[in-house]
Amino acid sequence: MARAMFFGLTGMLGNVIIISVLYYGGTLVVNDVLSIGELTSFILCAGYSSISINGLSNFYTELNKGTGSAQRIWEILDRKYEIPLNFGIIPSEKPKGQVAFDNVKFCFPARPKNIVLDNFTLVLRPGETSALVGRSGSGKTTIATLLLRLYDPLNGRIVLEDVDLRDLSPIWLRSHIGAVNQEPVLFSGTIRNNILYGLNPNVNFTESQLEEAVRKAHVDESSSQLPDGLDTLVGQRGVLLSGGQKQRVAIARALIRNPTILILDEATSALDSVSEELVQNALDELAKGHTCLTIAHRLSTIRNANTIDNCSVR
């Protein structure tokens, strides 16, 4: 309302000034004080000057907006990582997948009084599937978050083959871990591009690798029914695909990088029974030969697990 009143009043004031100049200038022309050419030149000069001043005013306004926005961006760019990405050991060999949580204690920084994990111990053995079950809020997803080293524990340690995760390069660590979440994130683009996002940009891939990942994740069963196959656009956040199709694309994305460790966090909880069976078959295929941590509520999801733990960690 105030903005409308401001522009309305300034516009009316400008018109009043122009009419006043024309009236007074016309009087001077009638009295032979000014010629018509001089009056016209004055009005044109004043008009162009007004436009220029108005442009400078708009430029100053936009400059202030840009400075304010840039300041917020600079604040983000100047932030220091709590977990440095370019620090740590980079082993020369691919890990086998032996992971151990040793008396881990953890709380989120925003809630320091709420202890999520207290003296938590767990061993993930190479090539085996370990399942975590428990009520919501018991800390299951937190365990996966710590394994990805998005946070560090307060006490205790998490080791990968006797090396503390805090001593390893986070980039190297995450390159050997694949994660499939309850709600997979797909980017606007094609199915093919979303699968290839799982690869390291410095790694060359072959079409046979893509085809194998698509087959094992059962993506081909749905993509073959689409008009453009793997080149079908998925839309923003995958809105053009069903829940089961999105999950299978996410599984293929995790599979194509051939990670040592797999994290499956409620990967089928939001699916219907038909889609769940298809996705579960893909997950079972994905877990073969990998160290797998499965987080679930349904028995059907963890029926093939080697170890099942009731996650009462609070």
Foldseek 3Di string as FASTA:
>chain_A
DVVVVVVVVVVVVVVVVLVVLCVVVVVCCVVVNDPPVVSVVVVVVVVVVVVVVVVVVVVVVVVVVVVVVVVVVVVVVPDDDPQDQPAADQDPDAAQAWKWFAQFWADDPVCVPDILFGGDIDIFDGQFEEEEEEDPSNCQVVVVCVQLPPDDTPDTFMDGVNHTPSRHRSVNSNLQEAEQAQQDFAAWFFLQVRLCVLADPVDDDDVVLLVVLCVLLVLQVVQVVDPVRRRDTQPHRRPNDDLLNRLSSSLSSRQSSPHQEYEYYQNPVPDDPVSSVSRLSSVVSSSGRHRYYYYHHDCVNCVRGPHYDHSNRD
